[in-house]
Amino acid sequence: MSFFSRLFGKKTNASTDQNLRSNGAADSNNYGSNSYDVPRDLFIDENPPKGAQNFNGNEQQKQSEMSQSYTMLKGIRAVIAQFREDFDQKGFDDALVIQDRNYMNKGIELLKLKLHSVIEQSLLDVTKEIISLESQIQQFNDFNLYDHANILLGKLNNVKKELEHIKEYQNDLQEEGNWTRKCLLSYERGFMKGIVHLHKNNTNNSYIFK
């Protein structure tokens, strides 16, 4: 018998196992199971991660919007995302660049142009999808594949509803309705906040908002 076998051989294991049995620590049929009376929190930390305790709904919404900004949105989703942009923050940031009413008005005009651009692109994308679906439905009908045509017909109806919804935003922008005014006022409010912020932090107060 070698030195290691004498040191770690069956005799030692048997002795250890016998001690465990005599102390009631483990059962031969249950060896390795959760039969030890050990506090769970000794090895497992069940506390939430740092910062998670203060993770409220607003922060979750911000995370959702951040992830959404990295996604190529189309159709009504792109329009809604654009109208829900943080224009308050945009106005605030612009005010830190130039403190001038004309600059603020130009920012508002650029805001309108961006909304208009997103709406026009969304209308184009959805119109193309409608044309494609109508073509596919016609092909299925030509070959008497009515089940497949009906499936696409349901999708076509949904896309047409999406088109009408986009047009509602288009009309709102043209008439400066509630959705559009909310964006414009949010930008202007943010711009004014930026002016106040600079005023409080400027020791010389050497500028005047014209």
Protein backbone atom coordinates (compact mmCIF):
# COMPACT_ATOMS: atom_id res chain seq x y z
CA MET A 1 0.00 0.00 0.00
CA SER A 2 1.43 3.41 -1.09
CA PHE A 3 1.79 6.46 1.10
CA PHE A 4 -1.17 8.26 -0.61
CA SER A 5 -3.44 5.23 -0.38
CA ARG A 6 -2.68 4.93 3.32
CA LEU A 7 -3.38 8.63 3.72
CA PHE A 8 -6.55 8.92 1.59
CA GLY A 9 -7.67 5.29 1.34
CA LYS A 10 -10.97 3.63 2.09
CA LYS A 11 -10.25 3.39 5.77
CA THR A 12 -10.18 7.14 6.16
CA ASN A 13 -13.31 7.62 4.03
CA ALA A 14 -15.16 4.97 5.96
CA SER A 15 -14.20 6.58 9.20
CA THR A 16 -15.36 9.97 8.02
CA ASP A 17 -18.63 8.55 6.73
CA GLN A 18 -19.20 6.72 10.01
CA ASN A 19 -18.70 9.91 11.97
CA LEU A 20 -21.20 11.72 9.78
CA ARG A 21 -23.74 8.97 10.27
CA SER A 22 -23.26 8.92 14.01
CA ASN A 23 -23.81 12.67 14.19
CA GLY A 24 -26.94 12.47 12.08
CA ALA A 25 -25.49 14.86 9.47
CA ALA A 26 -26.32 12.77 6.42
CA ASP A 27 -28.20 9.69 5.39
CA SER A 28 -26.70 7.04 3.08
CA ASN A 29 -29.70 7.21 0.78
CA ASN A 30 -29.68 10.99 0.85
CA TYR A 31 -26.01 11.75 0.70
CA GLY A 32 -25.38 15.10 -0.92
CA SER A 33 -28.98 16.28 -0.53
CA ASN A 34 -30.07 19.34 1.42
CA SER A 35 -30.11 17.49 4.75
CA TYR A 36 -27.59 19.71 6.54
CA ASP A 37 -29.01 22.29 8.89
CA VAL A 38 -27.00 25.23 7.54
CA PRO A 39 -28.40 28.78 7.32
CA ARG A 40 -29.21 29.61 3.69
CA ASP A 41 -27.79 33.13 3.87
CA LEU A 42 -24.39 31.77 4.92
CA PHE A 43 -23.47 31.07 1.30
CA ILE A 44 -26.23 32.80 -0.69
CA ASP A 45 -26.76 36.55 -0.75
CA GLU A 46 -30.43 37.11 -1.59
CA ASN A 47 -30.29 40.89 -1.33
CA PRO A 48 -31.02 42.77 -4.58
CA PRO A 49 -28.06 44.23 -6.51
CA LYS A 50 -26.79 47.66 -5.54
CA GLY A 51 -28.97 50.32 -7.09
CA ALA A 52 -31.84 47.93 -7.74
CA GLN A 53 -33.65 49.00 -4.57
CA ASN A 54 -34.08 52.51 -5.98
CA PHE A 55 -34.91 51.37 -9.50
CA ASN A 56 -38.34 52.92 -9.96
CA GLY A 57 -40.79 53.03 -12.83
CA ASN A 58 -39.36 56.20 -14.33
CA GLU A 59 -35.90 54.66 -14.59
CA GLN A 60 -37.38 51.54 -16.17
CA GLN A 61 -39.10 53.72 -18.74
CA LYS A 62 -35.84 55.52 -19.48
CA GLN A 63 -34.08 52.19 -19.98
CA SER A 64 -36.86 51.10 -22.32
CA GLU A 65 -36.58 54.31 -24.33
CA MET A 66 -32.80 53.97 -24.52
CA SER A 67 -33.03 50.43 -25.87
CA GLN A 68 -35.73 51.54 -28.27
CA SER A 69 -33.50 54.30 -29.64
CA TYR A 70 -31.06 51.64 -30.87
CA THR A 71 -33.79 49.82 -32.78
CA MET A 72 -34.76 50.59 -36.36
CA LEU A 73 -38.40 51.47 -35.91
CA LYS A 74 -40.83 51.74 -38.79
CA GLY A 75 -44.42 52.75 -39.33
CA ILE A 76 -46.53 53.94 -36.46
CA ARG A 77 -43.91 52.83 -33.91
CA ALA A 78 -41.39 55.25 -35.39
CA VAL A 79 -43.92 58.10 -35.30
CA ILE A 80 -44.96 57.46 -31.71
CA ALA A 81 -41.33 57.16 -30.59
CA GLN A 82 -40.55 60.50 -32.23
CA PHE A 83 -43.48 62.27 -30.61
CA ARG A 84 -42.45 60.84 -27.24
CA GLU A 85 -38.87 62.04 -27.48
CA ASP A 86 -37.56 64.02 -24.50
CA PHE A 87 -38.01 67.49 -26.01
CA ASP A 88 -37.70 69.06 -22.58
CA GLN A 89 -34.12 67.82 -22.37
CA LYS A 90 -33.48 68.81 -25.99
CA GLY A 91 -34.58 72.40 -25.28
CA PHE A 92 -32.50 72.52 -22.12
CA ASP A 93 -29.38 71.38 -23.98
CA ASP A 94 -29.93 73.90 -26.78
CA ALA A 95 -30.25 76.74 -24.27
CA LEU A 96 -26.78 75.93 -22.96
CA VAL A 97 -25.38 76.62 -26.45
CA ILE A 98 -26.98 79.96 -27.34
CA GLN A 99 -29.29 82.01 -25.13
CA ASP A 100 -31.31 83.69 -27.85
CA ARG A 101 -35.01 83.64 -28.68
CA ASN A 102 -34.31 83.32 -32.40
CA TYR A 103 -32.18 80.27 -31.68
CA MET A 104 -35.04 78.79 -29.67
CA ASN A 105 -37.50 79.44 -32.52
CA LYS A 106 -35.14 77.77 -34.98
CA GLY A 107 -34.97 74.79 -32.66
CA ILE A 108 -38.76 74.59 -32.70
CA GLU A 109 -38.82 74.72 -36.51
CA LEU A 110 -36.23 71.94 -36.68
CA LEU A 111 -38.38 69.94 -34.29
CA LYS A 112 -41.37 70.28 -36.63
CA LEU A 113 -39.27 69.30 -39.65
CA LYS A 114 -38.04 66.20 -37.88
CA LEU A 115 -41.57 65.16 -36.96
CA HIS A 116 -42.66 65.78 -40.54
CA SER A 117 -39.76 63.73 -41.92
CA VAL A 118 -40.51 60.74 -39.68
CA ILE A 119 -44.20 60.83 -40.59
CA GLU A 120 -43.49 61.01 -44.34
CA GLN A 121 -41.04 58.10 -44.16
CA SER A 122 -43.49 56.05 -42.11
CA LEU A 123 -46.28 56.70 -44.60
CA LEU A 124 -43.99 55.57 -47.40
CA ASP A 125 -42.95 52.38 -45.58
CA VAL A 126 -46.52 51.41 -44.70
CA THR A 127 -47.81 52.19 -48.21
CA LYS A 128 -45.14 49.92 -49.70
CA GLU A 129 -46.15 47.16 -47.30
CA ILE A 130 -49.80 47.52 -48.29
CA ILE A 131 -48.94 47.26 -51.98
CA SER A 132 -46.81 44.16 -51.33
CA LEU A 133 -49.55 42.45 -49.31
CA GLU A 134 -52.21 43.20 -51.90
CA SER A 135 -49.99 41.70 -54.60
CA GLN A 136 -49.41 38.53 -52.57
CA ILE A 137 -53.11 38.16 -51.79
CA GLN A 138 -53.94 38.44 -55.48
CA GLN A 139 -51.40 35.73 -56.32
CA PHE A 140 -52.83 33.35 -53.72
CA ASN A 141 -56.35 33.97 -54.99
CA ASP A 142 -55.24 33.30 -58.57
CA PHE A 143 -54.06 29.85 -57.50
CA ASN A 144 -57.15 29.23 -55.33
CA LEU A 145 -55.06 29.32 -52.15
CA TYR A 146 -57.78 31.12 -50.25
CA ASP A 147 -56.64 30.09 -46.77
CA HIS A 148 -53.27 31.73 -47.30
CA ALA A 149 -54.94 34.76 -48.85
CA ASN A 150 -57.21 35.17 -45.83
CA ILE A 151 -54.23 35.10 -43.46
CA LEU A 152 -52.58 37.92 -45.39
CA LEU A 153 -55.90 39.74 -45.63
CA GLY A 154 -56.04 40.00 -41.84
CA LYS A 155 -52.52 41.41 -41.80
CA LEU A 156 -53.44 43.84 -44.59
CA ASN A 157 -56.35 45.20 -42.57
CA ASN A 158 -54.06 45.82 -39.60
CA VAL A 159 -51.53 47.65 -41.77
CA LYS A 160 -54.29 49.82 -43.23
CA LYS A 161 -55.35 50.77 -39.70
CA GLU A 162 -51.74 51.64 -38.99
CA LEU A 163 -51.74 53.90 -42.05
CA GLU A 164 -54.81 55.75 -40.79
CA HIS A 165 -53.21 56.22 -37.40
CA ILE A 166 -50.11 57.75 -39.00
CA LYS A 167 -52.34 60.11 -40.95
CA GLU A 168 -53.88 61.26 -37.68
CA TYR A 169 -50.43 62.32 -36.51
CA GLN A 170 -49.84 63.97 -39.88
CA ASN A 171 -53.02 66.05 -39.53
CA ASP A 172 -52.14 66.91 -35.95
CA LEU A 173 -48.74 68.21 -37.08
CA GLN A 174 -50.24 70.27 -39.90
CA GLU A 175 -52.81 71.86 -37.59
CA GLU A 176 -50.50 71.96 -34.54
CA GLY A 177 -52.94 69.89 -32.56
CA ASN A 178 -52.58 68.54 -29.04
CA TRP A 179 -49.84 66.01 -29.77
CA THR A 180 -47.70 68.52 -31.63
CA ARG A 181 -48.25 71.37 -29.17
CA LYS A 182 -47.20 69.10 -26.33
CA CYS A 183 -43.84 68.53 -28.09
CA LEU A 184 -43.33 72.24 -28.87
CA LEU A 185 -44.23 73.42 -25.38
CA SER A 186 -41.99 70.76 -23.87
CA TYR A 187 -39.06 72.01 -25.93
CA GLU A 188 -39.76 75.65 -25.03
CA ARG A 189 -40.10 74.78 -21.34
CA GLY A 190 -36.78 72.94 -21.44
CA PHE A 191 -35.14 75.90 -23.16
CA MET A 192 -36.34 78.23 -20.40
CA LYS A 193 -35.06 75.82 -17.77
CA GLY A 194 -31.67 75.98 -19.45
CA ILE A 195 -31.72 79.78 -19.30
CA VAL A 196 -32.54 79.73 -15.58
CA HIS A 197 -29.87 77.12 -14.98
CA LEU A 198 -27.21 79.27 -16.65
CA HIS A 199 -28.39 82.36 -14.78
CA LYS A 200 -28.03 80.62 -11.42
CA ASN A 201 -24.56 79.32 -12.25
CA ASN A 202 -23.21 82.43 -13.96
CA THR A 203 -21.57 84.66 -11.36
CA ASN A 204 -21.34 87.62 -13.74
CA ASN A 205 -24.91 87.38 -15.11
CA SER A 206 -23.44 88.96 -18.22
CA TYR A 207 -26.03 87.85 -20.76
CA ILE A 208 -29.63 88.79 -21.49
CA PHE A 209 -32.19 86.54 -23.15
CA LYS A 210 -33.50 88.53 -26.12
